[in-house]
Protein backbone atom coordinates (compact mmCIF):
# COMPACT_ATOMS: atom_id res chain seq x y z
CA UNK A 1 -2.43 22.66 18.84
CA UNK A 2 -0.88 19.86 16.88
CA UNK A 3 2.90 19.56 17.18
CA UNK A 4 4.52 18.87 13.86
CA UNK A 5 7.70 16.82 14.05
CA UNK A 6 10.75 17.60 12.15
CA UNK A 7 11.88 14.97 9.66
CA UNK A 8 15.14 13.33 10.21
CA UNK A 9 17.95 13.88 7.56
CA UNK A 10 17.63 10.47 5.84
CA UNK A 11 14.03 11.07 4.97
CA UNK A 12 14.79 14.64 3.67
CA UNK A 13 17.60 13.14 1.48
CA UNK A 14 15.12 10.58 0.14
CA UNK A 15 12.42 13.29 -0.51
CA UNK A 16 15.16 15.26 -2.59
CA UNK A 17 15.76 12.03 -4.57
CA UNK A 18 11.92 11.71 -5.16
CA UNK A 19 11.77 15.23 -6.50
CA UNK A 20 14.49 14.42 -9.05
CA UNK A 21 12.93 11.37 -10.43
CA UNK A 22 12.22 11.64 -14.11
CA UNK A 23 8.59 11.40 -15.47
CA UNK A 24 9.60 8.24 -17.31
CA UNK A 25 10.75 6.56 -14.10
CA UNK A 26 7.53 7.62 -12.46
CA UNK A 27 5.29 6.07 -15.24
CA UNK A 28 7.35 2.92 -14.65
CA UNK A 29 6.58 2.99 -10.94
CA UNK A 30 10.26 3.19 -10.02
CA UNK A 31 10.56 4.67 -6.48
CA UNK A 32 13.52 5.44 -4.36
CA UNK A 33 14.41 3.08 -1.64
CA UNK A 34 12.01 3.40 1.32
CA UNK A 35 8.99 4.60 -0.73
CA UNK A 36 6.33 3.03 -2.94
CA UNK A 37 4.84 4.96 -5.74
CA UNK A 38 0.95 5.37 -5.37
CA UNK A 39 -0.16 8.01 -7.78
CA UNK A 40 0.68 11.11 -9.72
CA UNK A 41 -1.50 14.12 -10.07
CA UNK A 42 -0.98 17.29 -12.10
CA UNK A 43 0.78 18.93 -9.25
CA UNK A 44 1.99 16.15 -6.85
CA UNK A 45 3.55 12.74 -6.77
CA UNK A 46 2.13 10.51 -4.06
CA UNK A 47 4.22 7.67 -2.38
CA UNK A 48 3.63 5.61 0.75
CA UNK A 49 6.57 5.56 3.17
CA UNK A 50 7.85 2.11 3.59
CA UNK A 51 10.39 2.66 6.42
CA UNK A 52 11.74 5.52 8.58
CA UNK A 53 9.79 7.04 11.40
CA UNK A 54 6.75 7.63 9.13
CA UNK A 55 6.28 4.14 7.85
CA UNK A 56 2.84 3.52 6.59
CA UNK A 57 1.99 7.12 6.01
CA UNK A 58 1.65 9.01 2.65
CA UNK A 59 4.14 11.39 1.11
CA UNK A 60 3.08 14.15 -1.27
CA UNK A 61 5.84 15.75 -3.22
CA UNK A 62 5.31 18.99 -5.32
CA UNK A 63 6.21 18.20 -8.91
CA UNK A 64 7.31 21.74 -9.77
CA UNK A 65 8.07 24.98 -7.78
CA UNK A 66 4.66 26.49 -8.50
CA UNK A 67 3.01 23.41 -7.11
CA UNK A 68 4.47 23.88 -3.65
CA UNK A 69 1.53 26.06 -2.72
CA UNK A 70 -0.78 23.06 -2.79
CA UNK A 71 1.16 21.39 0.13
CA UNK A 72 1.29 24.53 1.94
CA UNK A 73 -2.42 25.18 1.61
CA UNK A 74 -3.42 21.55 2.52
CA UNK A 75 -1.26 21.84 5.65
CA UNK A 76 -2.91 25.21 6.62
CA UNK A 77 -6.42 23.83 5.99
CA UNK A 78 -5.74 20.87 8.27
CA UNK A 79 -4.36 23.23 11.04
CA UNK A 80 -7.48 25.38 10.63
CA UNK A 81 -9.90 22.35 10.83
CA UNK A 82 -8.48 21.03 14.09
CA UNK A 83 -11.14 21.37 16.76
CA UNK A 84 -13.80 22.14 14.09
CA UNK A 85 -16.78 19.71 13.70
CA UNK A 86 -15.46 19.00 10.18
CA UNK A 87 -12.06 17.61 11.44
CA UNK A 88 -13.15 13.97 11.29
CA UNK A 89 -13.72 14.38 7.59
CA UNK A 90 -10.19 15.48 6.82
CA UNK A 91 -7.26 13.01 6.66
CA UNK A 92 -4.74 14.12 9.22
CA UNK A 93 -1.61 15.97 8.14
CA UNK A 94 1.30 14.57 10.25
CA UNK A 95 4.14 16.72 9.01
CA UNK A 96 5.08 19.13 6.24
CA UNK A 97 7.88 21.26 4.69
CA UNK A 98 7.22 25.05 5.31
CA UNK A 99 8.43 25.72 1.88
CA UNK A 100 5.75 23.25 0.37
CA UNK A 101 8.23 20.75 -1.05
CA UNK A 102 6.47 17.79 0.68
CA UNK A 103 3.66 17.02 3.05
CA UNK A 104 3.13 13.78 5.00
CA UNK A 105 -0.46 12.58 5.75
CA UNK A 106 -1.88 9.48 7.39
CA UNK A 107 -2.75 6.65 4.90
CA UNK A 108 -6.40 6.35 3.91
CA UNK A 109 -7.62 3.59 1.80
CA UNK A 110 -9.30 4.92 -1.30
CA UNK A 111 -12.89 3.90 -2.10
CA UNK A 112 -15.31 3.71 -4.96
CA UNK A 113 -18.38 3.95 -2.75
CA UNK A 114 -20.43 6.85 -3.89
CA UNK A 115 -22.31 6.86 -0.60
CA UNK A 116 -19.11 7.86 1.12
CA UNK A 117 -18.45 10.60 -1.47
CA UNK A 118 -21.94 11.93 -0.96
CA UNK A 119 -21.64 11.83 2.84
CA UNK A 120 -18.63 14.06 2.66
CA UNK A 121 -20.10 16.37 0.20
CA UNK A 122 -23.26 16.73 2.27
CA UNK A 123 -21.23 17.38 5.45
CA UNK A 124 -19.18 20.13 3.72
CA UNK A 125 -22.32 21.75 2.38
CA UNK A 126 -23.68 22.16 5.96
CA UNK A 127 -20.76 24.57 6.46
CA UNK A 128 -21.32 26.40 3.12
CA UNK A 129 -18.49 24.58 1.25
CA UNK A 130 -19.74 23.43 -1.98
CA UNK A 131 -17.20 20.90 -3.11
CA UNK A 132 -17.32 20.42 -6.82
CA UNK A 133 -14.10 18.44 -6.67
CA UNK A 134 -15.11 15.78 -4.05
CA UNK A 135 -14.95 12.53 -6.00
CA UNK A 136 -13.77 8.96 -5.34
CA UNK A 137 -10.22 9.94 -6.32
CA UNK A 138 -9.88 12.28 -3.31
CA UNK A 139 -11.95 10.44 -0.62
CA UNK A 140 -10.71 7.55 1.49
CA UNK A 141 -11.31 5.65 4.63
CA UNK A 142 -9.22 6.34 7.61
CA UNK A 143 -9.87 4.52 10.91
CA UNK A 144 -13.19 3.34 9.49
CA UNK A 145 -14.42 6.93 8.71
CA UNK A 146 -14.66 8.63 5.31
CA UNK A 147 -12.18 11.45 4.82
CA UNK A 148 -10.84 13.83 2.25
CA UNK A 149 -7.34 12.80 1.23
CA UNK A 150 -6.82 15.74 -1.20
CA UNK A 151 -8.16 18.95 0.03
CA UNK A 152 -5.94 21.69 -1.15
CA UNK A 153 -8.96 23.05 -3.20
CA UNK A 154 -11.04 23.83 -0.24
CA UNK A 155 -11.51 27.62 0.00
CA UNK A 156 -11.60 28.08 3.82
CA UNK A 157 -13.24 26.55 6.85
CA UNK A 158 -15.91 28.58 8.61
């Protein structure tokens, strides 16, 4: 079982700052101190953590209340895949908020390599997971291995 650590107060304060950032500031890549803006999807804003105990990891922050479910689902999927043969294809979740406000994941370098994308698709299909959403935007390289970096859309691991 993975032991998830509790974030210290300074990181939680900064996460609250991130959630209050306006869309205009996000488009201008203006981030709170200690974080660097990476990307923004329909439901989450993605940052790298530049300091604190999780330096070098990725922070995913829900954009709206109804987006919190994605962080909760991604954390649950990772917990369920631990010890499963597919575990190596999922970027590890390091910590998360039980309410879904945020999730911290290991950093995986994104890749444009279609071979890597196809490898992950094939592996998932071996377990009856037919991933229409696996593409170069949600696949990365972690410790030299291909991994999913956005997998809240996965139905369940068998």
